[in-house]
Protein backbone atom coordinates (compact mmCIF):
# COMPACT_ATOMS: atom_id res chain seq x y z
CA MET A 1 131.92 111.57 55.43
CA ASP A 2 130.70 115.13 55.94
CA GLU A 3 132.42 116.59 58.99
CA ASP A 4 129.08 118.11 60.17
CA MET A 5 127.41 114.70 60.40
CA VAL A 6 127.30 112.95 63.79
CA ASP A 7 128.81 109.48 63.92
CA LEU A 8 126.37 107.20 65.81
CA ALA A 9 128.35 104.05 65.23
CA GLY A 10 129.67 104.10 68.79
CA PHE A 11 126.25 104.39 70.48
CA ASP A 12 125.36 101.27 72.48
CA SER A 13 121.60 100.91 71.99
CA THR A 14 121.54 97.64 73.92
CA ALA A 15 123.07 99.29 76.98
CA ALA A 16 120.44 102.04 76.78
CA LEU A 17 117.78 99.38 77.12
CA HIS A 18 119.29 96.94 79.60
CA ARG A 19 122.06 98.43 81.76
CA GLY A 20 121.02 99.36 85.30
CA ARG A 21 117.83 97.28 85.33
CA GLU A 22 119.06 94.99 88.10
CA ILE A 23 118.82 97.19 91.17
CA ASP A 24 118.57 96.21 94.83
CA VAL A 25 115.79 98.08 96.68
CA SER A 26 115.77 95.89 99.78
CA ASP A 27 117.19 98.66 102.00
CA VAL A 28 115.01 101.59 100.86
CA PHE A 29 112.85 103.04 103.63
CA CYS A 30 109.94 104.15 101.41
CA GLU A 31 108.09 101.42 99.53
CA PRO A 32 109.33 101.13 95.94
CA LEU A 33 106.97 102.06 93.14
CA ALA A 34 106.63 99.18 90.67
CA MET A 35 105.70 101.02 87.48
CA THR A 36 105.53 98.08 85.10
CA SER A 37 102.96 96.36 82.94
CA ALA A 38 104.85 93.10 82.41
CA TYR A 39 107.10 90.75 84.39
CA THR A 40 110.04 88.52 83.46
CA PHE A 41 110.05 84.76 83.97
CA THR A 42 112.98 82.50 84.76
CA SER A 43 111.84 80.00 82.12
CA ALA A 44 108.95 79.09 79.86
CA GLN A 45 107.80 76.63 82.53
CA ASP A 46 107.89 79.38 85.17
CA ALA A 47 105.62 81.49 82.97
CA TRP A 48 103.22 78.55 82.49
CA GLU A 49 103.10 77.76 86.21
CA ARG A 50 102.36 81.38 87.12
CA PHE A 51 99.73 81.86 84.41
CA SER A 52 97.98 78.62 85.31
CA GLY A 53 97.98 79.42 89.01
CA GLN A 54 100.20 76.50 90.01
CA LYS A 55 102.73 78.92 91.48
CA GLU A 56 102.38 82.36 93.02
CA GLY A 57 103.93 85.27 91.21
CA ASN A 58 103.15 88.30 89.09
CA VAL A 59 101.78 87.71 85.62
CA TYR A 60 100.59 91.08 84.31
CA SER A 61 99.78 94.35 86.08
CA ARG A 62 96.15 94.20 85.06
CA PHE A 63 95.97 91.34 87.56
CA THR A 64 98.70 91.87 90.17
CA ASN A 65 101.41 94.42 90.88
CA PRO A 66 103.83 94.54 93.86
CA THR A 67 102.86 98.09 94.88
CA VAL A 68 99.14 97.39 94.53
CA THR A 69 99.58 94.18 96.53
CA ALA A 70 101.26 96.16 99.32
CA LEU A 71 98.23 98.48 99.44
CA GLU A 72 95.82 95.55 99.50
CA ARG A 73 97.64 93.86 102.36
CA ARG A 74 97.78 97.06 104.39
CA VAL A 75 94.08 97.88 104.00
CA ALA A 76 93.09 94.27 104.73
CA ALA A 77 95.03 94.45 108.00
CA MET A 78 93.44 97.78 108.90
CA GLU A 79 89.94 96.37 108.28
CA SER A 80 90.69 93.09 110.11
CA ALA A 81 90.02 91.15 106.91
CA GLU A 82 91.80 88.19 105.33
CA ASP A 83 92.38 89.89 102.01
CA ALA A 84 91.64 92.94 99.85
CA VAL A 85 91.41 93.74 96.15
CA ALA A 86 92.13 97.19 94.71
CA PHE A 87 90.30 98.67 91.72
CA ALA A 88 90.61 101.74 89.51
CA SER A 89 87.92 103.66 91.44
CA GLY A 90 85.24 103.22 94.07
CA MET A 91 82.61 102.71 91.37
CA GLY A 92 84.97 100.28 89.65
CA ALA A 93 84.98 98.32 92.91
CA PHE A 94 81.17 98.25 92.91
CA ALA A 95 81.21 97.05 89.31
CA GLY A 96 83.63 94.31 90.33
CA LEU A 97 81.29 93.21 93.13
CA CYS A 98 78.35 93.01 90.75
CA HIS A 99 80.24 90.95 88.16
CA ALA A 100 81.69 88.64 90.80
CA PHE A 101 78.57 87.84 92.79
CA LEU A 102 75.45 88.52 90.68
CA GLN A 103 73.73 86.73 87.86
CA GLN A 104 70.46 87.15 85.99
CA GLY A 105 67.48 86.70 88.29
CA ASN A 106 69.29 87.92 91.42
CA ASN A 107 68.35 91.11 93.19
CA ILE A 108 70.22 93.77 95.16
CA VAL A 109 68.75 95.31 98.30
CA CYS A 110 70.31 98.70 98.94
CA SER A 111 69.71 101.66 101.23
CA ARG A 112 68.18 104.43 99.14
CA ASP A 113 70.45 107.18 100.45
CA VAL A 114 73.78 105.73 99.35
CA PHE A 115 75.98 107.75 97.00
CA GLY A 116 73.86 108.82 94.02
CA THR A 117 76.04 107.16 91.40
CA THR A 118 75.71 103.83 93.21
CA VAL A 119 71.92 104.08 92.92
CA ASN A 120 72.22 104.90 89.23
CA ALA A 121 74.63 102.01 88.60
CA PHE A 122 72.39 99.44 90.28
CA ARG A 123 69.08 100.67 88.89
CA ASN A 124 69.99 101.67 85.36
CA TYR A 125 72.95 99.50 84.41
CA MET A 126 72.62 96.26 86.37
CA GLY A 127 68.92 96.33 85.51
CA ARG A 128 69.84 95.82 81.85
CA PHE A 129 71.13 92.35 82.77
CA GLY A 130 68.01 91.20 84.57
CA ILE A 131 69.16 92.15 88.07
CA GLU A 132 66.51 93.90 90.15
CA SER A 133 67.40 96.64 92.63
CA ARG A 134 65.28 97.30 95.69
CA PHE A 135 65.86 100.45 97.73
CA VAL A 136 64.94 100.77 101.40
CA ASP A 137 65.23 103.23 104.26
CA LEU A 138 68.63 102.74 105.89
CA THR A 139 67.22 103.19 109.39
CA ASP A 140 64.05 101.07 109.06
CA LEU A 141 64.93 97.45 109.90
CA SER A 142 61.45 96.23 108.96
CA GLN A 143 62.01 97.41 105.37
CA TRP A 144 65.30 95.50 105.17
CA ASP A 145 63.69 92.35 106.51
CA ALA A 146 60.80 92.58 104.04
CA ALA A 147 62.94 93.38 100.98
CA ILE A 148 65.57 90.63 101.36
CA ASP A 149 64.45 87.29 99.92
CA GLY A 150 65.88 84.06 98.55
CA ASN A 151 66.98 85.74 95.30
CA THR A 152 68.89 88.52 97.07
CA ARG A 153 72.61 88.13 96.57
CA LEU A 154 74.00 91.51 97.66
CA VAL A 155 72.73 93.68 100.52
CA VAL A 156 74.40 97.09 100.26
CA MET A 157 74.54 99.90 102.80
CA GLU A 158 76.60 102.99 103.51
CA SER A 159 76.82 104.03 107.15
CA PRO A 160 76.94 106.89 107.86
CA SER A 161 75.13 107.75 104.65
CA ASN A 162 76.39 110.42 102.28
CA PRO A 163 75.25 113.18 102.61
CA THR A 164 72.44 112.76 105.14
CA LEU A 165 74.61 111.06 107.79
CA LYS A 166 72.04 108.49 108.82
CA ILE A 167 73.24 105.35 110.61
CA GLY A 168 72.42 101.78 109.64
CA ASP A 169 72.52 98.95 112.15
CA ILE A 170 75.21 96.78 110.55
CA GLN A 171 74.79 93.85 112.94
CA ALA A 172 71.00 93.65 112.55
CA ILE A 173 71.09 94.01 108.76
CA SER A 174 73.81 91.37 108.50
CA ARG A 175 71.50 88.92 110.29
CA PHE A 176 68.72 89.59 107.78
CA ALA A 177 71.14 89.12 104.86
CA HIS A 178 72.74 85.92 106.16
CA ALA A 179 69.38 84.35 107.00
CA LYS A 180 68.53 84.48 103.27
CA GLY A 181 72.00 83.53 102.01
CA ALA A 182 72.95 87.05 100.89
CA LEU A 183 76.22 88.93 101.35
CA LEU A 184 76.35 92.20 103.27
CA VAL A 185 78.42 94.94 101.65
CA VAL A 186 79.21 98.04 103.73
CA ASP A 187 80.64 101.23 102.23
CA ASN A 188 83.08 102.46 104.90
CA THR A 189 84.50 105.39 102.94
CA MET A 190 83.19 108.05 105.31
CA LEU A 191 84.65 106.74 108.56
CA THR A 192 87.56 104.58 107.36
CA PRO A 193 88.81 101.74 109.59
CA VAL A 194 90.02 104.39 112.05
CA PHE A 195 86.44 105.00 113.21
CA GLN A 196 84.55 101.86 112.09
CA GLN A 197 85.32 98.21 111.30
CA PRO A 198 82.20 96.73 109.68
CA HIS A 199 83.60 93.18 109.47
CA THR A 200 83.42 92.94 113.26
CA PHE A 201 79.65 93.56 113.06
CA GLY A 202 78.97 90.94 110.38
CA ALA A 203 79.80 92.62 107.06
CA ASP A 204 81.04 90.14 104.46
CA LEU A 205 82.61 92.75 102.18
CA VAL A 206 83.75 96.28 103.00
CA ILE A 207 84.25 98.80 100.22
CA HIS A 208 86.18 102.07 100.11
CA SER A 209 86.46 104.87 97.63
CA ALA A 210 90.15 105.10 98.49
CA GLY A 211 90.73 108.42 96.76
CA LYS A 212 88.87 110.10 99.62
CA TYR A 213 90.23 109.92 103.18
CA MET A 214 92.69 107.09 102.52
CA ASP A 215 94.64 109.20 100.04
CA GLY A 216 93.73 112.35 101.91
CA GLN A 217 94.94 114.89 99.38
CA GLY A 218 92.52 114.57 96.47
CA ARG A 219 95.17 113.23 94.09
CA VAL A 220 93.91 109.87 92.88
CA LEU A 221 91.02 107.57 92.05
CA ALA A 222 90.97 104.06 93.53
CA GLY A 223 88.60 101.57 95.13
CA ILE A 224 89.31 98.75 97.58
CA VAL A 225 87.18 95.81 98.72
CA THR A 226 88.10 93.73 101.77
CA GLY A 227 86.77 90.30 102.69
CA SER A 228 87.62 86.62 103.01
CA THR A 229 90.08 84.98 100.62
CA VAL A 230 87.21 82.95 99.14
CA MET A 231 85.36 86.13 98.17
CA THR A 232 88.42 88.05 97.00
CA ARG A 233 89.30 85.12 94.74
CA GLU A 234 86.09 85.84 92.81
CA LEU A 235 86.94 89.54 92.67
CA ARG A 236 90.45 88.84 91.36
CA GLY A 237 88.95 86.77 88.57
CA VAL A 238 86.85 89.77 87.52
CA LEU A 239 89.86 92.08 87.79
CA ARG A 240 92.04 89.81 85.68
CA THR A 241 89.43 89.53 82.95
CA LEU A 242 87.78 92.97 82.83
CA GLY A 243 90.79 95.11 83.71
CA ILE A 244 89.32 97.67 86.15
CA SER A 245 92.71 97.70 87.81
CA CYS A 246 94.28 100.12 90.28
CA SER A 247 97.25 102.07 88.96
CA PRO A 248 100.54 101.26 90.75
CA PHE A 249 101.24 104.97 91.10
CA ASN A 250 97.84 105.60 92.68
CA ALA A 251 98.40 102.65 95.02
CA TRP A 252 101.76 104.08 96.03
CA LEU A 253 100.23 107.49 96.80
CA ILE A 254 97.49 105.89 98.92
CA LEU A 255 100.10 103.86 100.81
CA LYS A 256 101.69 107.16 101.78
CA GLY A 257 98.29 108.60 102.69
CA LEU A 258 97.49 105.67 104.99
CA GLU A 259 100.53 106.51 107.11
CA THR A 260 98.84 109.72 108.28
CA LEU A 261 95.22 108.51 108.13
CA GLU A 262 94.67 108.27 111.89
CA VAL A 263 96.06 111.70 112.74
CA ARG A 264 94.11 113.31 109.90
CA MET A 265 90.85 111.63 110.87
CA LEU A 266 91.24 112.70 114.50
CA ARG A 267 92.02 116.28 113.46
CA VAL A 268 89.10 116.67 111.06
CA GLN A 269 86.77 115.06 113.59
CA ASP A 270 87.74 117.62 116.25
CA SER A 271 87.04 120.44 113.81
CA ALA A 272 83.80 118.86 112.58
CA ILE A 273 82.43 118.51 116.10
CA GLU A 274 83.17 122.16 116.83
CA LEU A 275 81.82 123.39 113.48
CA SER A 276 78.62 121.32 113.63
CA ASN A 277 77.77 122.80 117.02
CA TRP A 278 78.70 126.29 115.84
CA VAL A 279 76.73 126.03 112.56
CA SER A 280 73.64 124.86 114.46
CA ARG A 281 73.57 128.24 116.26
CA GLN A 282 73.39 130.26 113.03
CA GLY A 283 70.00 131.85 112.54
CA CYS A 284 69.64 130.98 108.86
CA VAL A 285 70.36 127.29 109.45
CA ARG A 286 67.34 125.03 109.68
CA SER A 287 69.10 121.84 110.80
CA VAL A 288 72.55 120.22 111.10
CA HIS A 289 73.36 116.57 110.44
CA TYR A 290 76.41 115.10 112.18
CA THR A 291 76.58 111.80 114.02
CA GLY A 292 78.73 113.33 116.75
CA LEU A 293 75.94 115.63 117.93
CA THR A 294 74.15 114.25 120.98
CA ASP A 295 70.79 115.24 119.49
CA HIS A 296 71.38 113.10 116.38
CA PRO A 297 68.42 110.66 116.29
CA GLN A 298 70.79 107.67 116.15
CA PHE A 299 73.53 108.93 118.43
CA ALA A 300 73.23 105.85 120.68
CA LEU A 301 73.67 103.46 117.73
CA ALA A 302 76.59 105.50 116.40
CA SER A 303 78.26 105.35 119.81
CA ARG A 304 77.96 101.53 119.88
CA GLN A 305 78.98 100.92 116.28
CA GLN A 306 81.58 103.62 115.65
CA GLN A 307 84.77 104.70 117.38
CA GLY A 308 84.43 108.21 115.98
CA HIS A 309 82.33 110.41 113.72
CA GLY A 310 84.54 111.64 110.90
CA GLY A 311 84.93 114.95 109.13
CA LEU A 312 81.74 115.30 107.07
CA ILE A 313 78.90 117.57 108.20
CA CYS A 314 75.68 118.44 106.43
CA PHE A 315 73.29 121.30 107.13
CA GLU A 316 70.17 122.85 105.65
CA VAL A 317 69.75 126.59 105.21
CA LYS A 318 66.50 128.50 105.05
CA GLY A 319 65.58 129.65 101.56
CA GLY A 320 66.15 126.40 99.68
CA GLN A 321 68.39 126.13 96.63
CA GLU A 322 68.63 129.88 96.07
CA ALA A 323 70.00 130.49 99.55
CA ALA A 324 72.26 127.42 99.43
CA TRP A 325 73.80 128.48 96.13
CA ARG A 326 74.23 132.05 97.35
CA TRP A 327 76.00 130.81 100.48
CA ILE A 328 78.29 128.51 98.49
CA ASP A 329 79.16 131.26 96.01
CA ALA A 330 80.06 133.64 98.86
CA LEU A 331 82.83 131.41 100.23
CA LEU A 332 86.36 132.75 99.92
CA LEU A 333 88.51 130.06 101.57
CA VAL A 334 86.47 126.85 101.43
CA ALA A 335 86.49 125.27 97.97
CA ARG A 336 83.42 124.55 95.86
CA CYS A 337 84.24 120.92 95.12
CA THR A 338 82.37 117.59 95.09
CA ASN A 339 85.11 115.46 96.62
CA ILE A 340 85.47 114.58 100.31
CA GLY A 341 88.42 113.65 102.50
CA ASP A 342 90.92 116.22 101.20
CA THR A 343 93.30 118.15 103.45
CA ARG A 344 91.38 121.24 102.31
CA SER A 345 87.78 121.98 103.23
CA MET A 346 85.19 121.83 100.46
CA VAL A 347 81.44 122.12 100.03
CA THR A 348 78.85 121.03 97.51
CA HIS A 349 75.10 121.21 96.93
CA PRO A 350 74.05 117.53 96.75
CA ALA A 351 70.66 118.06 95.12
CA THR A 352 72.27 119.59 92.01
CA THR A 353 75.59 117.69 91.96
CA THR A 354 76.14 114.24 93.50
CA HIS A 355 72.43 113.33 93.55
CA CYS A 356 71.16 115.33 90.56
CA ARG A 357 70.34 112.16 88.58
CA LEU A 358 67.76 111.14 91.18
CA SER A 359 64.20 112.35 90.74
CA GLU A 360 62.84 114.98 93.10
CA ILE A 361 60.74 112.33 94.85
CA GLU A 362 63.77 110.07 95.25
CA ARG A 363 65.79 112.93 96.74
CA GLN A 364 62.98 113.71 99.16
CA MET A 365 62.77 110.06 100.21
CA ALA A 366 66.53 110.08 100.79
CA GLY A 367 66.25 113.25 102.89
CA ILE A 368 68.17 115.47 100.45
CA SER A 369 66.51 118.87 100.45
CA ASP A 370 67.11 121.81 98.10
CA GLY A 371 68.61 123.76 100.99
CA MET A 372 71.10 121.05 101.99
CA ILE A 373 74.83 121.76 101.90
CA ARG A 374 77.53 119.14 102.44
CA MET A 375 80.88 120.16 103.90
CA SER A 376 84.01 118.03 104.05
CA VAL A 377 86.06 119.58 106.84
CA GLY A 378 89.78 119.94 106.14
CA LEU A 379 92.85 120.76 108.17
CA GLU A 380 92.61 124.57 108.13
CA SER A 381 92.47 126.44 111.42
CA LEU A 382 89.02 126.61 112.98
CA LYS A 383 89.32 130.37 113.28
CA ASP A 384 89.77 130.77 109.52
CA LEU A 385 87.01 128.30 108.70
CA LYS A 386 84.53 130.06 110.98
CA LYS A 387 85.47 133.42 109.53
CA ASP A 388 84.78 132.24 105.98
CA LEU A 389 81.55 130.47 106.87
CA ARG A 390 80.39 133.44 108.93
CA GLN A 391 80.79 135.95 106.11
CA ALA A 392 78.87 133.56 103.82
CA PHE A 393 76.08 133.28 106.40
CA ASP A 394 75.98 137.08 106.57
CA VAL A 395 75.23 137.20 102.85
CA ILE A 396 72.12 135.03 103.07
CA GLU A 397 70.95 136.27 106.49
CA ARG A 398 70.19 139.64 104.92
CA GLN A 399 67.44 137.85 102.97
CA TYR A 400 66.67 135.10 105.49
CA PRO A 401 67.17 136.83 108.86
CA SER A 402 67.86 135.04 112.10
CA ASN A 403 64.98 133.94 114.30
CA SER A 404 67.32 133.30 117.21
CA GLU A 405 67.30 135.86 120.04
CA ASN A 406 70.72 134.73 121.21
CA HIS A 407 72.48 134.84 117.86
CA THR A 408 74.98 137.64 117.39
CA HIS A 409 77.76 138.08 114.86
CA ALA A 410 80.35 138.45 117.60
CA GLU A 411 79.28 135.23 119.36
CA SER A 412 79.34 133.24 116.15
CA CYS A 413 82.93 134.09 115.36
CA GLN A 414 84.33 132.96 118.71
């Protein structure tokens, strides 16, 4: 044999595949990450019993995974629900709800100012399967009562709404839904269970885009639905068959995010309260939307239904889209980004991003003006945030000057 050739005869390929697989993680402090697609069975009968549902146990990670299960159990406990099911994204969770609970001839009644993609999914995609979508004003109970009928299966609301921050009366709307045999679905992404628990007000299913505040660092996509075990059984059937499954790694990251959720939500709320009051005093600002402001039209309802107000604020600048874009482009610290719930502050222009697929009339009906800016408040110091926002306001105030006699640059930066 040529002396330059490597002799591989001594390499143990079996050991490379199998040695070290049996490890004990019972004493690790951080939850293990189960990165696997398949699971081993003790026997052929064990596999049959698990697959057929006669015995509990993992079958395939499209259906169940230990790390994903840990996330589901934690979120269910936080939402005071019996069970939870995790999906690949928030919209994946909505798709799961539709497949689990709707059939041809049913209708959905939904508040018209939910997240724009939710409107598009219901109207354009579920409509292809003979499912009608009816959109109503979140705050008008008479519209909910009139729209829900015997063919309504899902009643969907987001409170507070994104981005207009309107409040829906969960308890009253749940009564309308249940009187007609429908299920109430509440999107609780904005407030998280730290500030709102919709199940306690009559919601049957609570949905989260978990890559927002639950993760908290803008790293992942995931969706979670909480509810009774009877309802989650239907959702798990959809998950097992259609495969819109949450990644174990994403579940693991969200588990870590949930450990700091309360302290982050309290911190961003403190900053959002201060900033919403401060922004309202800027001369080029037409209005500010934040449920924590005492002049919010539904402040009393928010105080009864919520334990807090979250970290999202929305405001309208004079000068419409031109002024809003100019203000956004002038920012130096705050990111131009369409996500919410990150540790870092970010802004977007809803009319041309998150809700751009709605018609102009639909945006007007939802209260989304061309001058509206949405800001997700992060964990930066208030001083630095005000400094960045102030210099951006200076840019547009040269064209849209202040009408406020009391407004001064020095006062605004305090």
